[in-house]
Amino acid sequence: MKEFLYLKHGLSSLQPSTRLAYTLFLVFSLASYAVMVALAVDRSGFTASSAASYYAGGGDVYPKTRGELLEVTHFHLFSMPLLLFVQGHLFLMTCWPQRLKIALVYAAFAGCALDLAAPWLVVYVSRDLAVAKVLARILLGPSLLAFALVPLWEMWSQRDEAHPGNPESSPRLGEE
């Protein structure tokens, strides 16, 4: 991890093994996003009314119980902030403008908070608050994609073999 202290030329100057580890993590993250979208389509849809029906019940769908909400919230309250922390940390090391990076980090965590709160708001306050689920997805979607795609792009497309710290660019013994 100390190589992050000396990142003067962006993520492409990371050691190849570090880039590989981050790449695999980010590729699996992208796959999890695809599954997340499929799950949303299958279960709660993309509209406030379909989310309200999924959580508060309607038609042939029963309302979610307190136990079901607690179980989903418990799992997501551990996993989502951890994922955002790791990906946000890596994203903050990219060359994108600092204000944009910070705005996307805030958007991701706000989206996460809304995503966690929305089911509770729909079931215990008002079905009209299902719009929080839609807003959560609007905030999370672009943020998560940027958190994965921007570091991948910078790690692999901006290769400059003259980067200090890149063992492939270091002079060999006897070379100057």
C-alpha atoms as a PDB file:
ATOM      1  CA  MET A   1       0.000   0.000   0.000  1.00  0.00           C
ATOM      2  CA  LYS A   2       2.915   2.357   0.392  1.00  0.00           C
ATOM      3  CA  GLU A   3       3.054   2.656  -3.396  1.00  0.00           C
ATOM      4  CA  PHE A   4      -0.075   4.839  -3.136  1.00  0.00           C
ATOM      5  CA  LEU A   5       1.951   7.409  -1.237  1.00  0.00           C
ATOM      6  CA  TYR A   6       4.157   7.968  -4.265  1.00  0.00           C
ATOM      7  CA  LEU A   7       1.503   7.993  -7.007  1.00  0.00           C
ATOM      8  CA  LYS A   8       2.717  10.974  -8.976  1.00  0.00           C
ATOM      9  CA  HIS A   9       1.563   9.885 -12.414  1.00  0.00           C
ATOM     10  CA  GLY A  10      -1.869   8.443 -11.783  1.00  0.00           C
ATOM     11  CA  LEU A  11      -3.163   4.935 -11.444  1.00  0.00           C
ATOM     12  CA  SER A  12      -1.262   3.707 -14.497  1.00  0.00           C
ATOM     13  CA  SER A  13       1.941   3.966 -12.470  1.00  0.00           C
ATOM     14  CA  LEU A  14       0.761   1.329  -9.986  1.00  0.00           C
ATOM     15  CA  GLN A  15       2.628  -1.944  -9.959  1.00  0.00           C
ATOM     16  CA  PRO A  16       1.138  -4.450 -12.443  1.00  0.00           C
ATOM     17  CA  SER A  17       0.074  -6.787  -9.627  1.00  0.00           C
ATOM     18  CA  THR A  18      -1.788  -3.966  -7.866  1.00  0.00           C
ATOM     19  CA  ARG A  19      -3.491  -2.945 -11.104  1.00  0.00           C
ATOM     20  CA  LEU A  20      -4.508  -6.570 -11.649  1.00  0.00           C
ATOM     21  CA  ALA A  21      -6.038  -6.857  -8.168  1.00  0.00           C
ATOM     22  CA  TYR A  22      -7.977  -3.610  -8.567  1.00  0.00           C
ATOM     23  CA  THR A  23      -9.044  -4.580 -12.065  1.00  0.00           C
ATOM     24  CA  LEU A  24     -10.489  -7.887 -10.897  1.00  0.00           C
ATOM     25  CA  PHE A  25     -12.279  -6.148  -8.018  1.00  0.00           C
ATOM     26  CA  LEU A  26     -13.747  -3.515 -10.346  1.00  0.00           C
ATOM     27  CA  VAL A  27     -14.786  -6.048 -12.995  1.00  0.00           C
ATOM     28  CA  PHE A  28     -16.611  -8.086 -10.347  1.00  0.00           C
ATOM     29  CA  SER A  29     -18.185  -4.838  -9.115  1.00  0.00           C
ATOM     30  CA  LEU A  30     -19.449  -4.098 -12.612  1.00  0.00           C
ATOM     31  CA  ALA A  31     -20.909  -7.617 -12.792  1.00  0.00           C
ATOM     32  CA  SER A  32     -22.645  -7.033  -9.462  1.00  0.00           C
ATOM     33  CA  TYR A  33     -24.178  -3.831 -10.871  1.00  0.00           C
ATOM     34  CA  ALA A  34     -25.608  -5.809 -13.784  1.00  0.00           C
ATOM     35  CA  VAL A  35     -27.137  -8.278 -11.327  1.00  0.00           C
ATOM     36  CA  MET A  36     -28.430  -5.370  -9.228  1.00  0.00           C
ATOM     37  CA  VAL A  37     -30.222  -3.899 -12.268  1.00  0.00           C
ATOM     38  CA  ALA A  38     -31.680  -7.316 -13.148  1.00  0.00           C
ATOM     39  CA  LEU A  39     -32.875  -7.709  -9.568  1.00  0.00           C
ATOM     40  CA  ALA A  40     -34.462  -4.249  -9.632  1.00  0.00           C
ATOM     41  CA  VAL A  41     -36.257  -5.048 -12.896  1.00  0.00           C
ATOM     42  CA  ASP A  42     -37.442  -8.381 -11.509  1.00  0.00           C
ATOM     43  CA  ARG A  43     -38.560  -7.150  -8.099  1.00  0.00           C
ATOM     44  CA  SER A  44     -39.270  -3.472  -7.604  1.00  0.00           C
ATOM     45  CA  GLY A  45     -39.058  -1.934 -11.056  1.00  0.00           C
ATOM     46  CA  PHE A  46     -37.803   1.560 -11.787  1.00  0.00           C
ATOM     47  CA  THR A  47     -40.822   3.677 -10.962  1.00  0.00           C
ATOM     48  CA  ALA A  48     -41.944   5.039  -7.618  1.00  0.00           C
ATOM     49  CA  SER A  49     -45.291   3.234  -7.920  1.00  0.00           C
ATOM     50  CA  SER A  50     -43.677  -0.142  -8.628  1.00  0.00           C
ATOM     51  CA  ALA A  51     -41.285   0.339  -5.694  1.00  0.00           C
ATOM     52  CA  ALA A  52     -44.206   1.325  -3.442  1.00  0.00           C
ATOM     53  CA  SER A  53     -46.082  -1.828  -4.443  1.00  0.00           C
ATOM     54  CA  TYR A  54     -43.033  -4.007  -3.864  1.00  0.00           C
ATOM     55  CA  TYR A  55     -42.408  -2.722  -0.343  1.00  0.00           C
ATOM     56  CA  ALA A  56     -45.884  -1.722   0.928  1.00  0.00           C
ATOM     57  CA  GLY A  57     -47.794  -4.365  -0.990  1.00  0.00           C
ATOM     58  CA  GLY A  58     -50.349  -4.157  -3.720  1.00  0.00           C
ATOM     59  CA  GLY A  59     -52.073  -6.501  -6.101  1.00  0.00           C
ATOM     60  CA  ASP A  60     -50.705  -9.993  -5.479  1.00  0.00           C
ATOM     61  CA  VAL A  61     -47.626  -8.699  -3.594  1.00  0.00           C
ATOM     62  CA  TYR A  62     -47.733  -8.756   0.199  1.00  0.00           C
ATOM     63  CA  PRO A  63     -46.146  -5.906   2.211  1.00  0.00           C
ATOM     64  CA  LYS A  64     -42.611  -6.482   3.493  1.00  0.00           C
ATOM     65  CA  THR A  65     -42.469  -7.396   7.158  1.00  0.00           C
ATOM     66  CA  ARG A  66     -40.312  -5.683   9.745  1.00  0.00           C
ATOM     67  CA  GLY A  67     -38.077  -8.772   9.801  1.00  0.00           C
ATOM     68  CA  GLU A  68     -37.599  -8.710   6.028  1.00  0.00           C
ATOM     69  CA  LEU A  69     -36.716  -5.013   6.106  1.00  0.00           C
ATOM     70  CA  LEU A  70     -34.272  -5.570   8.969  1.00  0.00           C
ATOM     71  CA  GLU A  71     -32.575  -8.454   7.163  1.00  0.00           C
ATOM     72  CA  VAL A  72     -32.086  -6.519   3.914  1.00  0.00           C
ATOM     73  CA  THR A  73     -31.035  -3.355   5.756  1.00  0.00           C
ATOM     74  CA  HIS A  74     -28.552  -5.260   7.917  1.00  0.00           C
ATOM     75  CA  PHE A  75     -26.829  -6.827   4.915  1.00  0.00           C
ATOM     76  CA  HIS A  76     -26.761  -3.627   2.852  1.00  0.00           C
ATOM     77  CA  LEU A  77     -25.710  -1.437   5.779  1.00  0.00           C
ATOM     78  CA  PHE A  78     -22.499  -3.463   6.018  1.00  0.00           C
ATOM     79  CA  SER A  79     -21.769  -4.075   2.351  1.00  0.00           C
ATOM     80  CA  MET A  80     -22.725  -0.841   0.600  1.00  0.00           C
ATOM     81  CA  PRO A  81     -20.591   1.584   2.650  1.00  0.00           C
ATOM     82  CA  LEU A  82     -17.624  -0.784   2.397  1.00  0.00           C
ATOM     83  CA  LEU A  83     -17.958  -1.027  -1.375  1.00  0.00           C
ATOM     84  CA  LEU A  84     -18.348   2.758  -1.651  1.00  0.00           C
ATOM     85  CA  PHE A  85     -15.342   3.297   0.602  1.00  0.00           C
ATOM     86  CA  VAL A  86     -13.022   1.072  -1.435  1.00  0.00           C
ATOM     87  CA  GLN A  87     -14.248   2.221  -4.825  1.00  0.00           C
ATOM     88  CA  GLY A  88     -14.514   5.854  -3.738  1.00  0.00           C
ATOM     89  CA  HIS A  89     -10.945   5.748  -2.431  1.00  0.00           C
ATOM     90  CA  LEU A  90      -9.675   4.410  -5.733  1.00  0.00           C
ATOM     91  CA  PHE A  91     -11.811   6.884  -7.703  1.00  0.00           C
ATOM     92  CA  LEU A  92     -10.437   9.795  -5.656  1.00  0.00           C
ATOM     93  CA  MET A  93      -6.944   8.856  -6.888  1.00  0.00           C
ATOM     94  CA  THR A  94      -7.941   9.412 -10.516  1.00  0.00           C
ATOM     95  CA  CYS A  95      -7.105  12.490 -12.547  1.00  0.00           C
ATOM     96  CA  TRP A  96     -10.692  13.755 -12.756  1.00  0.00           C
ATOM     97  CA  PRO A  97     -11.346  17.264 -11.379  1.00  0.00           C
ATOM     98  CA  GLN A  98     -11.370  17.262  -7.568  1.00  0.00           C
ATOM     99  CA  ARG A  99     -14.770  18.962  -7.257  1.00  0.00           C
ATOM    100  CA  LEU A 100     -16.399  16.429  -9.562  1.00  0.00           C
ATOM    101  CA  LYS A 101     -14.827  13.523  -7.676  1.00  0.00           C
ATOM    102  CA  ILE A 102     -16.027  14.879  -4.331  1.00  0.00           C
ATOM    103  CA  ALA A 103     -19.512  15.552  -5.727  1.00  0.00           C
ATOM    104  CA  LEU A 104     -19.761  11.952  -6.974  1.00  0.00           C
ATOM    105  CA  VAL A 105     -18.603  10.579  -3.614  1.00  0.00           C
ATOM    106  CA  TYR A 106     -21.271  12.633  -1.842  1.00  0.00           C
ATOM    107  CA  ALA A 107     -23.863  11.541  -4.404  1.00  0.00           C
ATOM    108  CA  ALA A 108     -22.953   7.880  -3.908  1.00  0.00           C
ATOM    109  CA  PHE A 109     -23.224   8.021  -0.125  1.00  0.00           C
ATOM    110  CA  ALA A 110     -26.452  10.076  -0.293  1.00  0.00           C
ATOM    111  CA  GLY A 111     -27.849   7.534  -2.757  1.00  0.00           C
ATOM    112  CA  CYS A 112     -26.808   4.734  -0.421  1.00  0.00           C
ATOM    113  CA  ALA A 113     -28.559   6.418   2.533  1.00  0.00           C
ATOM    114  CA  LEU A 114     -31.732   6.938   0.488  1.00  0.00           C
ATOM    115  CA  ASP A 115     -31.609   3.363  -0.796  1.00  0.00           C
ATOM    116  CA  LEU A 116     -31.420   2.065   2.772  1.00  0.00           C
ATOM    117  CA  ALA A 117     -34.138   4.405   4.062  1.00  0.00           C
ATOM    118  CA  ALA A 118     -36.618   4.084   1.183  1.00  0.00           C
ATOM    119  CA  PRO A 119     -38.172   0.723   2.120  1.00  0.00           C
ATOM    120  CA  TRP A 120     -38.728   1.874   5.708  1.00  0.00           C
ATOM    121  CA  LEU A 121     -40.209   5.172   4.558  1.00  0.00           C
ATOM    122  CA  VAL A 122     -42.582   3.432   2.142  1.00  0.00           C
ATOM    123  CA  VAL A 123     -43.794   0.838   4.654  1.00  0.00           C
ATOM    124  CA  TYR A 124     -43.985   2.989   7.797  1.00  0.00           C
ATOM    125  CA  VAL A 125     -44.526   6.581   6.587  1.00  0.00           C
ATOM    126  CA  SER A 126     -46.073   6.851   3.110  1.00  0.00           C
ATOM    127  CA  ARG A 127     -46.147   5.041  -0.207  1.00  0.00           C
ATOM    128  CA  ASP A 128     -45.470   8.450  -1.784  1.00  0.00           C
ATOM    129  CA  LEU A 129     -41.938   8.316  -0.365  1.00  0.00           C
ATOM    130  CA  ALA A 130     -41.070   5.532  -2.826  1.00  0.00           C
ATOM    131  CA  VAL A 131     -39.655   8.363  -4.904  1.00  0.00           C
ATOM    132  CA  ALA A 132     -36.660   8.091  -2.521  1.00  0.00           C
ATOM    133  CA  LYS A 133     -35.845   4.715  -4.108  1.00  0.00           C
ATOM    134  CA  VAL A 134     -35.876   6.276  -7.577  1.00  0.00           C
ATOM    135  CA  LEU A 135     -33.729   9.185  -6.408  1.00  0.00           C
ATOM    136  CA  ALA A 136     -31.313   6.726  -4.745  1.00  0.00           C
ATOM    137  CA  ARG A 137     -30.851   4.926  -8.041  1.00  0.00           C
ATOM    138  CA  ILE A 138     -30.332   8.205  -9.896  1.00  0.00           C
ATOM    139  CA  LEU A 139     -27.584   9.153  -7.442  1.00  0.00           C
ATOM    140  CA  LEU A 140     -25.991   5.707  -7.168  1.00  0.00           C
ATOM    141  CA  GLY A 141     -26.030   4.625 -10.808  1.00  0.00           C
ATOM    142  CA  PRO A 142     -23.691   7.205 -12.348  1.00  0.00           C
ATOM    143  CA  SER A 143     -21.514   7.272  -9.230  1.00  0.00           C
ATOM    144  CA  LEU A 144     -20.977   3.519  -9.171  1.00  0.00           C
ATOM    145  CA  LEU A 145     -20.237   3.423 -12.883  1.00  0.00           C
ATOM    146  CA  ALA A 146     -17.706   6.250 -12.544  1.00  0.00           C
ATOM    147  CA  PHE A 147     -16.154   4.570  -9.488  1.00  0.00           C
ATOM    148  CA  ALA A 148     -15.503   1.454 -11.590  1.00  0.00           C
ATOM    149  CA  LEU A 149     -14.919   2.679 -15.129  1.00  0.00           C
ATOM    150  CA  VAL A 150     -12.734   5.745 -14.530  1.00  0.00           C
ATOM    151  CA  PRO A 151     -10.065   3.896 -12.503  1.00  0.00           C
ATOM    152  CA  LEU A 152     -10.092   1.023 -14.999  1.00  0.00           C
ATOM    153  CA  TRP A 153      -9.592   3.476 -17.856  1.00  0.00           C
ATOM    154  CA  GLU A 154      -6.787   5.307 -16.085  1.00  0.00           C
ATOM    155  CA  MET A 155      -5.003   2.138 -14.980  1.00  0.00           C
ATOM    156  CA  TRP A 156      -4.883   0.565 -18.416  1.00  0.00           C
ATOM    157  CA  SER A 157      -5.219   3.224 -21.105  1.00  0.00           C
ATOM    158  CA  GLN A 158      -2.785   5.846 -19.867  1.00  0.00           C
ATOM    159  CA  ARG A 159       0.316   3.713 -19.829  1.00  0.00           C
ATOM    160  CA  ASP A 160       3.464   5.771 -19.924  1.00  0.00           C
ATOM    161  CA  GLU A 161       6.517   3.596 -19.536  1.00  0.00           C
ATOM    162  CA  ALA A 162       8.542   6.581 -18.339  1.00  0.00           C
ATOM    163  CA  HIS A 163       6.642   6.753 -15.042  1.00  0.00           C
ATOM    164  CA  PRO A 164       8.893   6.697 -11.998  1.00  0.00           C
ATOM    165  CA  GLY A 165       8.193   3.686  -9.844  1.00  0.00           C
ATOM    166  CA  ASN A 166       7.278   1.524 -12.800  1.00  0.00           C
ATOM    167  CA  PRO A 167       9.744  -1.374 -12.682  1.00  0.00           C
ATOM    168  CA  GLU A 168       9.381  -1.839 -16.429  1.00  0.00           C
ATOM    169  CA  SER A 169      10.788   1.659 -16.972  1.00  0.00           C
ATOM    170  CA  SER A 170      13.630   1.458 -14.461  1.00  0.00           C
ATOM    171  CA  PRO A 171      17.078   1.269 -16.014  1.00  0.00           C
ATOM    172  CA  ARG A 172      18.652  -2.160 -15.765  1.00  0.00           C
ATOM    173  CA  LEU A 173      21.953  -2.688 -14.008  1.00  0.00           C
ATOM    174  CA  GLY A 174      24.658  -1.079 -16.072  1.00  0.00           C
ATOM    175  CA  GLU A 175      22.224   0.990 -18.167  1.00  0.00           C
ATOM    176  CA  GLU A 176      21.894   4.724 -17.810  1.00  0.00           C
END
